[in-house]
Amino acid sequence: MPADSAPGSSTLISRDLDDLTARNPFRPGRVSPDRLYDGEGFRLRHLAFDDGAVLAEHVAPTQILVQALAGRVRFTVGADVHELVPGAILHVPGGVRHEVLALEPSRILITFIG
């Protein structure tokens, strides 16, 4: 919880996509992670992908929810391949290998649960 938040109060994390874009601009040829917010029992990360950028296969220690905010990514989970576009939401269990490829400049929001 941020120092300026009292218990039981709300915290505005982002006003809109423009706010996220200003906070975490695209970096040529790269994935740019942003530690957006840490709450009780969850963590939010905003990732900006330049066209063609890859987040290599890896494992998250907890289950995650992935929400596509902008662009288009190919999200591979084991043998499953999902193309995520704005509004798409994907659940990935903890400990499952996955990889992300940006098919165009893209933004995703990841919620780590637990």
N, C-alpha and C. Protein backbone atom coordinates (compact mmCIF):
# COMPACT_ATOMS: atom_id res chain seq x y z
N MET A 1 0.86 -1.19 0.00
CA MET A 1 0.00 0.00 0.00
C MET A 1 0.90 1.24 0.00
N PRO A 2 0.65 2.20 -0.87
CA PRO A 2 1.43 3.43 -0.88
C PRO A 2 1.34 4.17 0.46
N ALA A 3 2.39 4.90 0.76
CA ALA A 3 2.46 5.60 2.05
C ALA A 3 1.32 6.60 2.22
N ASP A 4 0.79 7.15 1.12
CA ASP A 4 -0.26 8.17 1.23
C ASP A 4 -1.66 7.58 1.25
N SER A 5 -1.78 6.24 1.36
CA SER A 5 -3.10 5.61 1.40
C SER A 5 -3.40 5.14 2.82
N ALA A 6 -4.54 5.51 3.30
CA ALA A 6 -4.97 5.06 4.62
C ALA A 6 -5.68 3.71 4.46
N PRO A 7 -5.62 2.84 5.48
CA PRO A 7 -6.33 1.57 5.39
C PRO A 7 -7.81 1.79 5.05
N GLY A 8 -8.32 1.01 4.10
CA GLY A 8 -9.72 1.13 3.71
C GLY A 8 -9.98 2.20 2.67
N SER A 9 -8.94 2.96 2.28
CA SER A 9 -9.15 3.98 1.25
C SER A 9 -8.83 3.40 -0.13
N SER A 10 -9.26 4.09 -1.14
CA SER A 10 -8.99 3.63 -2.51
C SER A 10 -7.67 4.23 -3.00
N THR A 11 -7.11 3.58 -4.02
CA THR A 11 -5.88 4.05 -4.64
C THR A 11 -6.07 4.04 -6.15
N LEU A 12 -6.00 5.19 -6.77
CA LEU A 12 -6.09 5.27 -8.22
C LEU A 12 -4.72 4.89 -8.78
N ILE A 13 -4.66 3.75 -9.47
CA ILE A 13 -3.39 3.25 -9.97
C ILE A 13 -3.07 3.87 -11.33
N SER A 14 -4.07 4.02 -12.17
CA SER A 14 -3.91 4.63 -13.49
C SER A 14 -5.22 5.26 -13.90
N ARG A 15 -5.16 6.44 -14.51
CA ARG A 15 -6.37 7.11 -14.97
C ARG A 15 -6.90 6.54 -16.28
N ASP A 16 -5.97 6.15 -17.18
CA ASP A 16 -6.37 5.64 -18.49
C ASP A 16 -5.14 5.08 -19.20
N LEU A 17 -5.34 4.61 -20.42
CA LEU A 17 -4.23 4.02 -21.17
C LEU A 17 -3.14 5.06 -21.46
N ASP A 18 -3.53 6.31 -21.66
CA ASP A 18 -2.53 7.37 -21.89
C ASP A 18 -1.61 7.51 -20.68
N ASP A 19 -2.16 7.36 -19.49
CA ASP A 19 -1.38 7.43 -18.26
C ASP A 19 -0.34 6.29 -18.23
N LEU A 20 -0.77 5.08 -18.57
CA LEU A 20 0.15 3.94 -18.60
C LEU A 20 1.23 4.14 -19.67
N THR A 21 0.82 4.68 -20.82
CA THR A 21 1.74 4.91 -21.93
C THR A 21 2.83 5.92 -21.53
N ALA A 22 2.44 6.99 -20.85
CA ALA A 22 3.40 8.00 -20.42
C ALA A 22 4.36 7.42 -19.37
N ARG A 23 3.84 6.57 -18.53
CA ARG A 23 4.64 5.97 -17.45
C ARG A 23 5.63 4.93 -18.00
N ASN A 24 5.23 4.21 -19.06
CA ASN A 24 6.05 3.12 -19.58
C ASN A 24 6.03 3.16 -21.11
N PRO A 25 6.85 4.02 -21.72
CA PRO A 25 6.87 4.12 -23.19
C PRO A 25 7.50 2.88 -23.83
N PHE A 26 7.21 2.67 -25.11
CA PHE A 26 7.85 1.59 -25.86
C PHE A 26 9.34 1.85 -25.95
N ARG A 27 10.12 0.77 -25.93
CA ARG A 27 11.57 0.85 -26.14
C ARG A 27 11.89 0.04 -27.38
N PRO A 28 12.58 0.64 -28.35
CA PRO A 28 12.83 -0.03 -29.63
C PRO A 28 13.37 -1.46 -29.45
N GLY A 29 12.65 -2.43 -30.03
CA GLY A 29 13.08 -3.82 -30.04
C GLY A 29 13.00 -4.55 -28.72
N ARG A 30 12.36 -3.96 -27.70
CA ARG A 30 12.42 -4.54 -26.36
C ARG A 30 11.05 -4.68 -25.71
N VAL A 31 11.07 -5.43 -24.62
CA VAL A 31 9.94 -5.49 -23.69
C VAL A 31 10.31 -4.57 -22.54
N SER A 32 9.39 -3.71 -22.16
CA SER A 32 9.64 -2.77 -21.07
C SER A 32 8.67 -3.06 -19.92
N PRO A 33 9.16 -3.64 -18.81
CA PRO A 33 8.27 -3.93 -17.68
C PRO A 33 8.14 -2.72 -16.76
N ASP A 34 6.98 -2.60 -16.15
CA ASP A 34 6.73 -1.53 -15.17
C ASP A 34 6.07 -2.15 -13.95
N ARG A 35 6.68 -1.96 -12.81
CA ARG A 35 6.13 -2.44 -11.54
C ARG A 35 5.03 -1.46 -11.13
N LEU A 36 3.83 -1.73 -11.59
CA LEU A 36 2.72 -0.78 -11.49
C LEU A 36 2.19 -0.63 -10.07
N TYR A 37 1.97 -1.76 -9.38
CA TYR A 37 1.37 -1.67 -8.04
C TYR A 37 1.51 -3.00 -7.33
N ASP A 38 1.79 -2.95 -6.05
CA ASP A 38 1.80 -4.13 -5.19
C ASP A 38 0.72 -3.96 -4.13
N GLY A 39 -0.24 -4.88 -4.10
CA GLY A 39 -1.32 -4.83 -3.12
C GLY A 39 -1.26 -6.06 -2.23
N GLU A 40 -2.22 -6.17 -1.36
CA GLU A 40 -2.28 -7.31 -0.46
C GLU A 40 -2.78 -8.53 -1.23
N GLY A 41 -1.91 -9.51 -1.44
CA GLY A 41 -2.27 -10.74 -2.15
C GLY A 41 -2.20 -10.66 -3.66
N PHE A 42 -1.74 -9.54 -4.22
CA PHE A 42 -1.60 -9.42 -5.67
C PHE A 42 -0.55 -8.37 -6.03
N ARG A 43 -0.03 -8.51 -7.25
CA ARG A 43 0.92 -7.53 -7.80
C ARG A 43 0.50 -7.25 -9.24
N LEU A 44 0.56 -5.99 -9.65
CA LEU A 44 0.23 -5.59 -11.02
C LEU A 44 1.51 -5.18 -11.74
N ARG A 45 1.67 -5.72 -12.96
CA ARG A 45 2.79 -5.34 -13.80
C ARG A 45 2.26 -4.96 -15.18
N HIS A 46 2.76 -3.86 -15.70
CA HIS A 46 2.38 -3.40 -17.03
C HIS A 46 3.59 -3.59 -17.93
N LEU A 47 3.41 -4.33 -19.02
CA LEU A 47 4.51 -4.58 -19.94
C LEU A 47 4.19 -3.94 -21.29
N ALA A 48 5.16 -3.18 -21.81
CA ALA A 48 5.06 -2.57 -23.13
C ALA A 48 6.02 -3.32 -24.05
N PHE A 49 5.49 -3.84 -25.18
CA PHE A 49 6.26 -4.62 -26.13
C PHE A 49 6.38 -3.85 -27.44
N ASP A 50 7.60 -3.67 -27.92
CA ASP A 50 7.76 -3.15 -29.27
C ASP A 50 7.42 -4.28 -30.24
N ASP A 51 7.12 -3.93 -31.47
CA ASP A 51 6.79 -4.93 -32.50
C ASP A 51 7.89 -5.98 -32.59
N GLY A 52 7.52 -7.25 -32.46
CA GLY A 52 8.47 -8.35 -32.57
C GLY A 52 9.21 -8.70 -31.30
N ALA A 53 9.05 -7.91 -30.25
CA ALA A 53 9.73 -8.20 -28.99
C ALA A 53 9.18 -9.48 -28.38
N VAL A 54 10.06 -10.23 -27.71
CA VAL A 54 9.69 -11.52 -27.12
C VAL A 54 10.04 -11.52 -25.64
N LEU A 55 9.08 -11.96 -24.84
CA LEU A 55 9.35 -12.29 -23.45
C LEU A 55 9.56 -13.80 -23.47
N ALA A 56 10.83 -14.22 -23.39
CA ALA A 56 11.20 -15.62 -23.57
C ALA A 56 10.47 -16.53 -22.58
N GLU A 57 10.37 -17.79 -22.96
CA GLU A 57 9.68 -18.78 -22.14
C GLU A 57 10.19 -18.73 -20.70
N HIS A 58 9.25 -18.72 -19.77
CA HIS A 58 9.58 -18.64 -18.36
C HIS A 58 8.40 -19.18 -17.55
N VAL A 59 8.55 -19.18 -16.24
CA VAL A 59 7.50 -19.67 -15.33
C VAL A 59 7.23 -18.58 -14.29
N ALA A 60 5.95 -18.30 -14.04
CA ALA A 60 5.57 -17.39 -12.95
C ALA A 60 5.38 -18.23 -11.69
N PRO A 61 5.81 -17.74 -10.56
CA PRO A 61 5.70 -18.52 -9.33
C PRO A 61 4.26 -18.66 -8.81
N THR A 62 3.38 -17.77 -9.26
CA THR A 62 1.99 -17.81 -8.82
C THR A 62 1.09 -17.78 -10.06
N GLN A 63 -0.19 -18.04 -9.86
CA GLN A 63 -1.11 -17.91 -10.98
C GLN A 63 -1.16 -16.45 -11.41
N ILE A 64 -1.42 -16.26 -12.71
CA ILE A 64 -1.50 -14.90 -13.24
C ILE A 64 -2.75 -14.73 -14.10
N LEU A 65 -3.22 -13.50 -14.15
CA LEU A 65 -4.24 -13.08 -15.10
C LEU A 65 -3.56 -12.10 -16.05
N VAL A 66 -3.71 -12.32 -17.34
CA VAL A 66 -3.11 -11.46 -18.35
C VAL A 66 -4.23 -10.78 -19.12
N GLN A 67 -4.18 -9.45 -19.17
CA GLN A 67 -5.18 -8.69 -19.91
C GLN A 67 -4.47 -7.89 -21.00
N ALA A 68 -4.92 -8.06 -22.25
CA ALA A 68 -4.38 -7.27 -23.35
C ALA A 68 -5.00 -5.88 -23.31
N LEU A 69 -4.16 -4.87 -23.34
CA LEU A 69 -4.63 -3.48 -23.29
C LEU A 69 -4.58 -2.79 -24.65
N ALA A 70 -3.56 -3.11 -25.44
CA ALA A 70 -3.37 -2.49 -26.75
C ALA A 70 -2.53 -3.41 -27.61
N GLY A 71 -2.74 -3.35 -28.92
CA GLY A 71 -1.94 -4.15 -29.84
C GLY A 71 -2.42 -5.58 -29.94
N ARG A 72 -1.46 -6.48 -30.22
CA ARG A 72 -1.78 -7.89 -30.43
C ARG A 72 -0.56 -8.71 -30.08
N VAL A 73 -0.72 -9.70 -29.20
CA VAL A 73 0.38 -10.58 -28.80
C VAL A 73 -0.01 -12.04 -29.00
N ARG A 74 1.00 -12.85 -29.25
CA ARG A 74 0.82 -14.30 -29.27
C ARG A 74 1.34 -14.82 -27.94
N PHE A 75 0.44 -15.40 -27.16
CA PHE A 75 0.75 -15.89 -25.81
C PHE A 75 0.71 -17.40 -25.86
N THR A 76 1.87 -18.03 -25.69
CA THR A 76 1.97 -19.49 -25.76
C THR A 76 2.10 -20.05 -24.35
N VAL A 77 1.19 -20.97 -24.02
CA VAL A 77 1.17 -21.63 -22.71
C VAL A 77 1.21 -23.14 -22.99
N GLY A 78 2.39 -23.75 -22.79
CA GLY A 78 2.51 -25.15 -23.14
C GLY A 78 2.24 -25.32 -24.63
N ALA A 79 1.29 -26.21 -24.96
CA ALA A 79 0.92 -26.45 -26.36
C ALA A 79 -0.18 -25.50 -26.85
N ASP A 80 -0.74 -24.69 -25.96
CA ASP A 80 -1.81 -23.76 -26.32
C ASP A 80 -1.24 -22.43 -26.80
N VAL A 81 -1.77 -21.96 -27.91
CA VAL A 81 -1.35 -20.66 -28.45
C VAL A 81 -2.58 -19.77 -28.53
N HIS A 82 -2.49 -18.60 -27.91
CA HIS A 82 -3.61 -17.65 -27.88
C HIS A 82 -3.15 -16.34 -28.50
N GLU A 83 -3.97 -15.76 -29.35
CA GLU A 83 -3.71 -14.42 -29.85
C GLU A 83 -4.57 -13.47 -29.03
N LEU A 84 -3.93 -12.61 -28.28
CA LEU A 84 -4.64 -11.69 -27.40
C LEU A 84 -4.71 -10.31 -28.03
N VAL A 85 -5.92 -9.75 -28.06
CA VAL A 85 -6.18 -8.41 -28.56
C VAL A 85 -6.83 -7.62 -27.42
N PRO A 86 -6.94 -6.29 -27.53
CA PRO A 86 -7.50 -5.52 -26.42
C PRO A 86 -8.83 -6.08 -25.91
N GLY A 87 -8.88 -6.27 -24.61
CA GLY A 87 -10.05 -6.82 -23.95
C GLY A 87 -9.93 -8.30 -23.63
N ALA A 88 -8.99 -9.00 -24.27
CA ALA A 88 -8.79 -10.42 -23.99
C ALA A 88 -8.17 -10.58 -22.61
N ILE A 89 -8.61 -11.62 -21.90
CA ILE A 89 -8.08 -11.94 -20.58
C ILE A 89 -7.76 -13.43 -20.54
N LEU A 90 -6.58 -13.77 -20.05
CA LEU A 90 -6.10 -15.14 -20.01
C LEU A 90 -5.64 -15.49 -18.61
N HIS A 91 -6.01 -16.67 -18.12
CA HIS A 91 -5.53 -17.18 -16.83
C HIS A 91 -4.44 -18.20 -17.10
N VAL A 92 -3.33 -18.09 -16.37
CA VAL A 92 -2.23 -19.06 -16.46
C VAL A 92 -1.94 -19.54 -15.04
N PRO A 93 -2.03 -20.85 -14.80
CA PRO A 93 -1.71 -21.37 -13.46
C PRO A 93 -0.25 -21.11 -13.12
N GLY A 94 0.06 -21.04 -11.84
CA GLY A 94 1.44 -20.88 -11.40
C GLY A 94 2.26 -22.09 -11.80
N GLY A 95 3.53 -21.87 -12.10
CA GLY A 95 4.43 -22.96 -12.42
C GLY A 95 4.32 -23.50 -13.83
N VAL A 96 3.52 -22.87 -14.69
CA VAL A 96 3.35 -23.32 -16.07
C VAL A 96 4.19 -22.45 -17.01
N ARG A 97 4.98 -23.08 -17.86
CA ARG A 97 5.85 -22.36 -18.79
C ARG A 97 5.02 -21.61 -19.83
N HIS A 98 5.43 -20.38 -20.13
CA HIS A 98 4.74 -19.57 -21.13
C HIS A 98 5.71 -18.56 -21.75
N GLU A 99 5.30 -18.04 -22.92
CA GLU A 99 6.10 -17.10 -23.68
C GLU A 99 5.18 -16.10 -24.35
N VAL A 100 5.68 -14.88 -24.57
CA VAL A 100 4.87 -13.84 -25.21
C VAL A 100 5.66 -13.24 -26.38
N LEU A 101 5.00 -13.12 -27.53
CA LEU A 101 5.57 -12.49 -28.71
C LEU A 101 4.63 -11.37 -29.15
N ALA A 102 5.18 -10.16 -29.31
CA ALA A 102 4.37 -9.03 -29.79
C ALA A 102 4.27 -9.08 -31.31
N LEU A 103 3.05 -9.14 -31.81
CA LEU A 103 2.80 -9.15 -33.25
C LEU A 103 2.73 -7.73 -33.81
N GLU A 104 2.70 -6.77 -32.91
CA GLU A 104 2.72 -5.33 -33.22
C GLU A 104 3.01 -4.64 -31.89
N PRO A 105 3.28 -3.34 -31.86
CA PRO A 105 3.48 -2.68 -30.57
C PRO A 105 2.26 -2.96 -29.68
N SER A 106 2.51 -3.43 -28.45
CA SER A 106 1.43 -3.94 -27.60
C SER A 106 1.68 -3.63 -26.14
N ARG A 107 0.58 -3.68 -25.40
CA ARG A 107 0.64 -3.49 -23.94
C ARG A 107 -0.22 -4.55 -23.28
N ILE A 108 0.31 -5.17 -22.21
CA ILE A 108 -0.46 -6.11 -21.43
C ILE A 108 -0.35 -5.76 -19.94
N LEU A 109 -1.36 -6.14 -19.21
CA LEU A 109 -1.40 -5.96 -17.77
C LEU A 109 -1.41 -7.36 -17.16
N ILE A 110 -0.48 -7.62 -16.26
CA ILE A 110 -0.39 -8.93 -15.60
C ILE A 110 -0.69 -8.74 -14.13
N THR A 111 -1.61 -9.57 -13.63
CA THR A 111 -1.91 -9.60 -12.20
C THR A 111 -1.39 -10.91 -11.63
N PHE A 112 -0.41 -10.81 -10.75
CA PHE A 112 0.11 -11.98 -10.04
C PHE A 112 -0.75 -12.15 -8.79
N ILE A 113 -1.35 -13.32 -8.64
CA ILE A 113 -2.26 -13.57 -7.53
C ILE A 113 -1.59 -14.49 -6.52
N GLY A 114 -1.54 -14.01 -5.30
CA GLY A 114 -0.94 -14.83 -4.24
C GLY A 114 0.37 -14.32 -3.78
